[in-house]
C-alpha atoms as a PDB file:
ATOM      1  CA  MET A   1      86.682  -0.499  32.727  1.00  0.00           C
ATOM      2  CA  GLU A   2      89.729   1.245  30.852  1.00  0.00           C
ATOM      3  CA  THR A   3      89.097  -1.586  28.033  1.00  0.00           C
ATOM      4  CA  VAL A   4      85.336  -0.598  27.987  1.00  0.00           C
ATOM      5  CA  ILE A   5      85.682   2.768  27.103  1.00  0.00           C
ATOM      6  CA  ALA A   6      88.453   2.526  24.712  1.00  0.00           C
ATOM      7  CA  VAL A   7      86.228   0.227  22.910  1.00  0.00           C
ATOM      8  CA  VAL A   8      83.331   2.747  23.357  1.00  0.00           C
ATOM      9  CA  ALA A   9      85.500   5.564  22.088  1.00  0.00           C
ATOM     10  CA  LEU A  10      86.781   3.914  19.297  1.00  0.00           C
ATOM     11  CA  LEU A  11      83.709   3.475  17.897  1.00  0.00           C
ATOM     12  CA  PHE A  12      82.486   6.448  18.193  1.00  0.00           C
ATOM     13  CA  VAL A  13      85.565   7.791  16.134  1.00  0.00           C
ATOM     14  CA  LEU A  14      84.658   5.451  13.491  1.00  0.00           C
ATOM     15  CA  PHE A  15      80.786   6.651  13.335  1.00  0.00           C
ATOM     16  CA  LEU A  16      82.031  10.155  13.483  1.00  0.00           C
ATOM     17  CA  GLY A  17      84.430   9.220  10.558  1.00  0.00           C
ATOM     18  CA  LEU A  18      81.429   7.377   8.872  1.00  0.00           C
ATOM     19  CA  GLY A  19      79.134   9.796   9.287  1.00  0.00           C
ATOM     20  CA  ALA A  20      82.007  12.627   7.998  1.00  0.00           C
ATOM     21  CA  TYR A  21      82.388  10.213   4.872  1.00  0.00           C
ATOM     22  CA  ALA A  22      78.726  10.152   4.216  1.00  0.00           C
ATOM     23  CA  THR A  23      78.353  13.590   4.446  1.00  0.00           C
ATOM     24  CA  VAL A  24      80.924  14.305   2.205  1.00  0.00           C
ATOM     25  CA  LYS A  25      79.794  11.783  -0.385  1.00  0.00           C
ATOM     26  CA  ALA A  26      76.370  13.478  -0.463  1.00  0.00           C
ATOM     27  CA  VAL A  27      77.503  16.899  -0.699  1.00  0.00           C
ATOM     28  CA  GLY A  28      79.541  16.024  -3.730  1.00  0.00           C
ATOM     29  CA  ALA A  29      76.731  14.106  -4.995  1.00  0.00           C
ATOM     30  CA  ALA A  30      74.296  17.190  -4.875  1.00  0.00           C
ATOM     31  CA  LYS A  31      77.352  19.875  -5.971  1.00  0.00           C
ATOM     32  CA  ARG A  32      77.503  17.379  -8.891  1.00  0.00           C
ATOM     33  CA  GLY A  33      73.885  17.290  -9.534  1.00  0.00           C
ATOM     34  CA  VAL A  34      73.748  21.582  -9.267  1.00  0.00           C
ATOM     35  CA  ASP A  35      76.673  21.471 -11.808  1.00  0.00           C
ATOM     36  CA  ARG A  36      74.947  19.396 -14.225  1.00  0.00           C
ATOM     37  CA  THR A  37      71.665  21.154 -13.760  1.00  0.00           C
ATOM     38  CA  LEU A  38      73.013  24.777 -13.999  1.00  0.00           C
ATOM     39  CA  THR A  39      75.096  23.310 -17.219  1.00  0.00           C
ATOM     40  CA  GLN A  40      71.931  22.163 -18.846  1.00  0.00           C
ATOM     41  CA  ALA A  41      70.258  25.183 -18.282  1.00  0.00           C
ATOM     42  CA  ARG A  42      72.911  27.423 -19.778  1.00  0.00           C
ATOM     43  CA  ARG A  43      72.903  25.582 -22.639  1.00  0.00           C
ATOM     44  CA  THR A  44      69.564  25.614 -23.227  1.00  0.00           C
ATOM     45  CA  VAL A  45      70.055  29.110 -22.991  1.00  0.00           C
ATOM     46  CA  GLU A  46      72.340  29.689 -25.556  1.00  0.00           C
ATOM     47  CA  ASP A  47      70.821  27.181 -27.857  1.00  0.00           C
ATOM     48  CA  THR A  48      67.438  29.364 -27.593  1.00  0.00           C
ATOM     49  CA  THR A  49      69.604  32.352 -28.021  1.00  0.00           C
ATOM     50  CA  LEU A  50      71.679  30.761 -31.377  1.00  0.00           C
ATOM     51  CA  ARG A  51      67.993  29.993 -32.619  1.00  0.00           C
ATOM     52  CA  ALA A  52      66.502  33.397 -32.162  1.00  0.00           C
ATOM     53  CA  ARG A  53      69.647  35.040 -33.803  1.00  0.00           C
ATOM     54  CA  THR A  54      69.347  33.021 -36.914  1.00  0.00           C
ATOM     55  CA  PHE A  55      65.954  34.223 -37.385  1.00  0.00           C
ATOM     56  CA  ALA A  56      66.645  37.686 -35.881  1.00  0.00           C
ATOM     57  CA  LEU A  57      69.748  38.758 -37.614  1.00  0.00           C
ATOM     58  CA  PRO A  58      70.113  38.465 -41.149  1.00  0.00           C
ATOM     59  CA  GLY A  59      73.805  38.069 -43.221  1.00  0.00           C
ATOM     60  CA  PRO A  60      76.861  36.881 -41.461  1.00  0.00           C
ATOM     61  CA  ALA A  61      75.818  37.353 -38.078  1.00  0.00           C
ATOM     62  CA  GLY A  62      72.970  35.168 -38.207  1.00  0.00           C
ATOM     63  CA  GLU A  63      74.977  32.492 -40.624  1.00  0.00           C
ATOM     64  CA  LEU A  64      77.256  32.354 -37.465  1.00  0.00           C
ATOM     65  CA  ALA A  65      74.434  31.677 -35.178  1.00  0.00           C
ATOM     66  CA  GLN A  66      73.035  29.159 -37.426  1.00  0.00           C
ATOM     67  CA  LEU A  67      76.824  27.313 -37.650  1.00  0.00           C
ATOM     68  CA  ARG A  68      77.647  27.144 -34.006  1.00  0.00           C
ATOM     69  CA  LEU A  69      73.640  25.625 -33.222  1.00  0.00           C
ATOM     70  CA  ARG A  70      74.758  23.039 -35.686  1.00  0.00           C
ATOM     71  CA  LEU A  71      78.136  22.232 -34.356  1.00  0.00           C
ATOM     72  CA  ARG A  72      76.707  22.501 -30.925  1.00  0.00           C
ATOM     73  CA  THR A  73      73.455  20.145 -31.493  1.00  0.00           C
ATOM     74  CA  SER A  74      75.692  17.265 -33.194  1.00  0.00           C
ATOM     75  CA  LEU A  75      78.457  17.301 -30.545  1.00  0.00           C
ATOM     76  CA  ARG A  76      76.033  17.002 -27.739  1.00  0.00           C
ATOM     77  CA  ALA A  77      73.843  14.357 -29.586  1.00  0.00           C
ATOM     78  CA  THR A  78      77.327  12.207 -30.241  1.00  0.00           C
ATOM     79  CA  GLN A  79      78.181  12.324 -26.666  1.00  0.00           C
ATOM     80  CA  GLU A  80      75.124  11.354 -25.481  1.00  0.00           C
ATOM     81  CA  ALA A  81      74.767   8.104 -27.689  1.00  0.00           C
ATOM     82  CA  LEU A  82      78.892   7.347 -27.076  1.00  0.00           C
ATOM     83  CA  GLU A  83      78.344   7.633 -23.369  1.00  0.00           C
ATOM     84  CA  ALA A  84      75.151   5.561 -23.332  1.00  0.00           C
ATOM     85  CA  GLY A  85      76.390   2.924 -25.554  1.00  0.00           C
ATOM     86  CA  ALA A  86      79.772   2.528 -23.607  1.00  0.00           C
ATOM     87  CA  THR A  87      78.264   1.092 -20.736  1.00  0.00           C
ATOM     88  CA  GLU A  88      76.851  -1.938 -22.447  1.00  0.00           C
ATOM     89  CA  ASP A  89      79.598  -2.112 -24.963  1.00  0.00           C
ATOM     90  CA  ALA A  90      83.181  -1.845 -24.156  1.00  0.00           C
ATOM     91  CA  SER A  91      84.155  -1.290 -27.547  1.00  0.00           C
ATOM     92  CA  LEU A  92      82.465   2.233 -27.736  1.00  0.00           C
ATOM     93  CA  LYS A  93      85.514   3.427 -24.934  1.00  0.00           C
ATOM     94  CA  GLU A  94      87.762   3.702 -27.793  1.00  0.00           C
ATOM     95  CA  SER A  95      85.348   5.812 -30.334  1.00  0.00           C
ATOM     96  CA  LEU A  96      84.803   8.215 -27.023  1.00  0.00           C
ATOM     97  CA  GLY A  97      88.764   8.874 -26.778  1.00  0.00           C
ATOM     98  CA  LEU A  98      88.233   9.855 -30.332  1.00  0.00           C
ATOM     99  CA  PHE A  99      85.167  11.745 -30.001  1.00  0.00           C
ATOM    100  CA  GLU A 100      87.114  13.180 -26.959  1.00  0.00           C
ATOM    101  CA  ARG A 101      89.827  14.747 -29.520  1.00  0.00           C
ATOM    102  CA  LEU A 102      87.069  16.069 -31.991  1.00  0.00           C
ATOM    103  CA  SER A 103      85.622  18.010 -29.343  1.00  0.00           C
ATOM    104  CA  ALA A 104      88.213  19.548 -28.553  1.00  0.00           C
ATOM    105  CA  HIS A 105      88.408  20.840 -32.427  1.00  0.00           C
ATOM    106  CA  GLY A 106      84.658  21.676 -32.064  1.00  0.00           C
ATOM    107  CA  ARG A 107      84.750  23.723 -29.007  1.00  0.00           C
ATOM    108  CA  GLN A 108      87.818  25.687 -30.427  1.00  0.00           C
ATOM    109  CA  LEU A 109      85.565  26.636 -33.431  1.00  0.00           C
ATOM    110  CA  ASP A 110      82.723  27.451 -31.173  1.00  0.00           C
ATOM    111  CA  GLY A 111      84.922  29.516 -29.288  1.00  0.00           C
ATOM    112  CA  GLU A 112      86.031  31.228 -32.832  1.00  0.00           C
ATOM    113  CA  LEU A 113      82.801  31.663 -33.883  1.00  0.00           C
ATOM    114  CA  ARG A 114      81.355  33.478 -30.640  1.00  0.00           C
ATOM    115  CA  ARG A 115      84.386  35.779 -30.525  1.00  0.00           C
ATOM    116  CA  LEU A 116      83.228  36.441 -34.156  1.00  0.00           C
ATOM    117  CA  GLU A 117      79.560  37.692 -33.363  1.00  0.00           C
ATOM    118  CA  SER A 118      81.123  40.583 -32.376  1.00  0.00           C
ATOM    119  CA  GLU A 119      83.171  41.819 -35.046  1.00  0.00           C
ATOM    120  CA  PRO A 120      81.982  44.868 -36.473  1.00  0.00           C
ATOM    121  CA  ASP A 121      83.660  44.574 -39.947  1.00  0.00           C
ATOM    122  CA  ARG A 122      81.046  42.566 -42.036  1.00  0.00           C
ATOM    123  CA  SER A 123      82.744  42.204 -44.867  1.00  0.00           C
ATOM    124  CA  GLY A 124      86.365  40.412 -43.350  1.00  0.00           C
ATOM    125  CA  LEU A 125      83.272  38.213 -41.545  1.00  0.00           C
ATOM    126  CA  ALA A 126      81.670  37.540 -44.973  1.00  0.00           C
ATOM    127  CA  ARG A 127      85.294  36.370 -46.585  1.00  0.00           C
ATOM    128  CA  ARG A 128      86.110  34.225 -43.575  1.00  0.00           C
ATOM    129  CA  LEU A 129      82.427  32.367 -43.583  1.00  0.00           C
ATOM    130  CA  PRO A 130      83.191  29.879 -46.068  1.00  0.00           C
ATOM    131  CA  GLU A 131      86.426  28.493 -44.217  1.00  0.00           C
ATOM    132  CA  LEU A 132      84.502  28.243 -40.964  1.00  0.00           C
ATOM    133  CA  ARG A 133      81.574  26.784 -42.709  1.00  0.00           C
ATOM    134  CA  GLU A 134      83.991  23.929 -43.949  1.00  0.00           C
ATOM    135  CA  ARG A 135      85.661  23.137 -40.730  1.00  0.00           C
ATOM    136  CA  MET A 136      82.299  22.969 -39.339  1.00  0.00           C
ATOM    137  CA  GLU A 137      80.988  20.398 -41.740  1.00  0.00           C
ATOM    138  CA  ARG A 138      83.854  18.123 -41.283  1.00  0.00           C
ATOM    139  CA  ILE A 139      83.739  18.024 -37.367  1.00  0.00           C
ATOM    140  CA  THR A 140      79.960  17.656 -37.581  1.00  0.00           C
ATOM    141  CA  THR A 141      80.297  14.831 -40.609  1.00  0.00           C
ATOM    142  CA  SER A 142      82.446  13.063 -38.341  1.00  0.00           C
ATOM    143  CA  ALA A 143      80.318  13.453 -35.126  1.00  0.00           C
ATOM    144  CA  ASP A 144      77.452  12.266 -37.174  1.00  0.00           C
ATOM    145  CA  SER A 145      79.229   9.404 -38.213  1.00  0.00           C
ATOM    146  CA  LEU A 146      80.370   8.148 -34.496  1.00  0.00           C
ATOM    147  CA  ARG A 147      76.737   8.820 -33.981  1.00  0.00           C
ATOM    148  CA  TRP A 148      75.233   6.670 -36.389  1.00  0.00           C
ATOM    149  CA  ALA A 149      77.569   3.952 -36.373  1.00  0.00           C
ATOM    150  CA  ALA A 150      77.070   3.759 -32.402  1.00  0.00           C
ATOM    151  CA  HIS A 151      72.864   3.352 -32.973  1.00  0.00           C
ATOM    152  CA  GLU A 152      73.240   0.782 -35.980  1.00  0.00           C
ATOM    153  CA  ARG A 153      75.945  -0.981 -33.600  1.00  0.00           C
ATOM    154  CA  ALA A 154      73.448  -1.440 -31.014  1.00  0.00           C
ATOM    155  CA  GLY A 155      70.582  -2.121 -33.253  1.00  0.00           C
ATOM    156  CA  ARG A 156      72.450  -4.983 -34.710  1.00  0.00           C
ATOM    157  CA  PHE A 157      73.249  -6.633 -31.440  1.00  0.00           C
ATOM    158  CA  SER A 158      69.618  -6.170 -30.503  1.00  0.00           C
ATOM    159  CA  GLN A 159      68.367  -7.832 -33.761  1.00  0.00           C
ATOM    160  CA  ASP A 160      70.925 -10.684 -33.539  1.00  0.00           C
ATOM    161  CA  ASP A 161      69.493 -11.319 -29.882  1.00  0.00           C
ATOM    162  CA  LEU A 162      66.048 -11.098 -31.100  1.00  0.00           C
ATOM    163  CA  SER A 163      66.949 -13.637 -33.627  1.00  0.00           C
ATOM    164  CA  THR A 164      68.491 -15.890 -31.079  1.00  0.00           C
ATOM    165  CA  LEU A 165      65.652 -15.647 -29.151  1.00  0.00           C
ATOM    166  CA  SER A 166      63.020 -16.263 -31.743  1.00  0.00           C
ATOM    167  CA  GLU A 167      65.064 -19.698 -32.581  1.00  0.00           C
ATOM    168  CA  GLN A 168      64.884 -20.755 -29.216  1.00  0.00           C
ATOM    169  CA  ILE A 169      61.122 -20.235 -28.514  1.00  0.00           C
ATOM    170  CA  ASP A 170      60.086 -21.979 -31.516  1.00  0.00           C
ATOM    171  CA  ILE A 171      62.214 -24.949 -30.391  1.00  0.00           C
ATOM    172  CA  GLU A 172      60.450 -24.579 -27.190  1.00  0.00           C
ATOM    173  CA  ALA A 173      57.090 -24.287 -28.681  1.00  0.00           C
ATOM    174  CA  GLY A 174      57.661 -27.489 -30.676  1.00  0.00           C
ATOM    175  CA  ALA A 175      58.862 -29.399 -27.429  1.00  0.00           C
ATOM    176  CA  LEU A 176      55.314 -28.477 -25.573  1.00  0.00           C
ATOM    177  CA  ARG A 177      53.853 -29.401 -28.717  1.00  0.00           C
ATOM    178  CA  HIS A 178      55.370 -32.568 -28.711  1.00  0.00           C
ATOM    179  CA  TRP A 179      51.803 -34.805 -29.502  1.00  0.00           C
ATOM    180  CA  THR A 180      51.465 -33.640 -32.701  1.00  0.00           C
ATOM    181  CA  THR A 181      54.421 -35.211 -34.396  1.00  0.00           C
ATOM    182  CA  GLU A 182      52.699 -38.523 -32.409  1.00  0.00           C
ATOM    183  CA  PRO A 183      50.076 -40.860 -34.258  1.00  0.00           C
ATOM    184  CA  ALA A 184      46.809 -40.223 -32.646  1.00  0.00           C
ATOM    185  CA  PRO A 185      45.388 -43.335 -30.796  1.00  0.00           C
ATOM    186  CA  GLY A 186      42.880 -44.992 -32.932  1.00  0.00           C
ATOM    187  CA  ARG A 187      43.470 -43.716 -36.240  1.00  0.00           C
ATOM    188  CA  ASP A 188      45.844 -46.521 -37.101  1.00  0.00           C
ATOM    189  CA  ALA A 189      43.697 -49.373 -35.791  1.00  0.00           C
ATOM    190  CA  VAL A 190      40.638 -48.412 -38.352  1.00  0.00           C
ATOM    191  CA  PRO A 191      42.930 -49.059 -40.816  1.00  0.00           C
ATOM    192  CA  ALA A 192      44.242 -52.243 -39.715  1.00  0.00           C
ATOM    193  CA  GLU A 193      41.124 -53.781 -39.112  1.00  0.00           C
ATOM    194  CA  SER A 194      40.038 -52.543 -42.460  1.00  0.00           C
ATOM    195  CA  ALA A 195      42.897 -54.143 -44.193  1.00  0.00           C
ATOM    196  CA  ALA A 196      42.439 -57.491 -41.871  1.00  0.00           C
ATOM    197  CA  ALA A 197      38.918 -57.719 -43.215  1.00  0.00           C
ATOM    198  CA  GLU A 198      39.704 -57.086 -47.058  1.00  0.00           C
ATOM    199  CA  SER A 199      42.659 -59.676 -46.472  1.00  0.00           C
ATOM    200  CA  ILE A 200      39.674 -62.146 -45.140  1.00  0.00           C
ATOM    201  CA  ALA A 201      37.618 -61.410 -47.745  1.00  0.00           C
ATOM    202  CA  GLY A 202      40.105 -62.049 -50.388  1.00  0.00           C
ATOM    203  CA  VAL A 203      40.829 -65.089 -49.510  1.00  0.00           C
ATOM    204  CA  ALA A 204      37.273 -66.453 -49.010  1.00  0.00           C
ATOM    205  CA  ALA A 205      36.828 -64.822 -52.542  1.00  0.00           C
ATOM    206  CA  ALA A 206      39.572 -67.164 -53.953  1.00  0.00           C
ATOM    207  CA  GLU A 207      38.472 -70.083 -52.279  1.00  0.00           C
ATOM    208  CA  GLU A 208      35.170 -69.672 -53.868  1.00  0.00           C
ATOM    209  CA  ALA A 209      36.590 -69.335 -57.555  1.00  0.00           C
ATOM    210  CA  ALA A 210      38.724 -72.032 -57.057  1.00  0.00           C
ATOM    211  CA  PRO A 211      37.244 -75.332 -59.137  1.00  0.00           C
ATOM    212  CA  ARG A 212      36.040 -77.975 -56.300  1.00  0.00           C
ATOM    213  CA  ALA A 213      38.121 -81.486 -56.484  1.00  0.00           C
ATOM    214  CA  ASP A 214      36.302 -84.592 -55.937  1.00  0.00           C
ATOM    215  CA  PRO A 215      36.791 -86.044 -52.542  1.00  0.00           C
ATOM    216  CA  PRO A 216      39.446 -88.738 -52.364  1.00  0.00           C
ATOM    217  CA  VAL A 217      38.043 -92.593 -52.749  1.00  0.00           C
ATOM    218  CA  ARG A 218      39.235 -94.442 -49.755  1.00  0.00           C
ATOM    219  CA  PRO A 219      40.560 -98.111 -51.228  1.00  0.00           C
ATOM    220  CA  ALA A 220      38.669-101.202 -50.662  1.00  0.00           C
ATOM    221  CA  ALA A 221      39.629-103.200 -47.620  1.00  0.00           C
ATOM    222  CA  ALA A 222      41.961-106.069 -48.493  1.00  0.00           C
ATOM    223  CA  ALA A 223      40.424-109.816 -47.826  1.00  0.00           C
ATOM    224  CA  PRO A 224      42.100-111.002 -44.398  1.00  0.00           C
ATOM    225  CA  GLY A 225      45.431-113.450 -45.246  1.00  0.00           C
ATOM    226  CA  PRO A 226      46.929-115.819 -42.948  1.00  0.00           C
ATOM    227  CA  ARG A 227      48.079-114.569 -40.094  1.00  0.00           C
ATOM    228  CA  PRO A 228      51.656-114.679 -39.650  1.00  0.00           C
ATOM    229  CA  THR A 229      53.102-116.746 -36.663  1.00  0.00           C
ATOM    230  CA  TYR A 230      55.817-115.827 -34.704  1.00  0.00           C
ATOM    231  CA  PRO A 231      58.615-118.061 -32.652  1.00  0.00           C
ATOM    232  CA  TRP A 232      57.078-117.111 -29.163  1.00  0.00           C
ATOM    233  CA  ASP A 233      53.384-117.709 -30.340  1.00  0.00           C
ATOM    234  CA  LYS A 234      51.948-120.959 -28.204  1.00  0.00           C
ATOM    235  CA  LYS A 235      50.970-123.581 -30.661  1.00  0.00           C
ATOM    236  CA  PRO A 236      47.516-123.940 -30.974  1.00  0.00           C
ATOM    237  CA  ARG A 237      45.756-127.535 -29.355  1.00  0.00           C
ATOM    238  CA  PRO A 238      44.039-129.429 -31.919  1.00  0.00           C
ATOM    239  CA  GLU A 239      40.591-129.756 -31.083  1.00  0.00           C
ATOM    240  CA  THR A 240      39.485-133.198 -29.931  1.00  0.00           C
ATOM    241  CA  THR A 241      36.363-135.039 -30.215  1.00  0.00           C
ATOM    242  CA  THR A 242      34.793-137.363 -28.269  1.00  0.00           C
END
């Protein structure tokens, strides 16, 4: 009885542990989903605000918003392309490591541009714009290079796979149409019969064209000679007269 109670208690504790683990995993997944949704919403709001500033604010302030928008858009698109490709191509994991280092420079520049939006000295801001623009161009050029390389690599793999598949389908289609390489029944019989008929006709024509020879003359029968005699022949009996 004590053993049964111990087993039941152990099963109860096990079920409680599994339930707690499943609850923690579900809460974690829900939290990650909420965080991801909030991050996407915050990015959308910030991008919309930056687009509005590029049109509404003239001068250096509007250009700062434009630089931030281009930087964020390029880095986000490259991150999505590399993460999507890394699930199928392990070679992109190294590219992801390089992109993380590039993203650190991008985040640093984005933070600097965001702080300069509230800079009251517009003349000093205008003097710094060329250097900021040059840094943004270097970062976005590198990000675009990684992104397009990933796209071209995926397209190349897809094209090679399609070419191989097309060759295999052509071979299979040829094997399914194997009768097209065999002579159809009845087609070779007609030429064979016509060839035989032409051969027979040619032989008959050759016989008719050849001159007819006189039939051979049989030699005349020779006159009967004396019959040869042999030792074992009986001597003829002499005829007697009465």
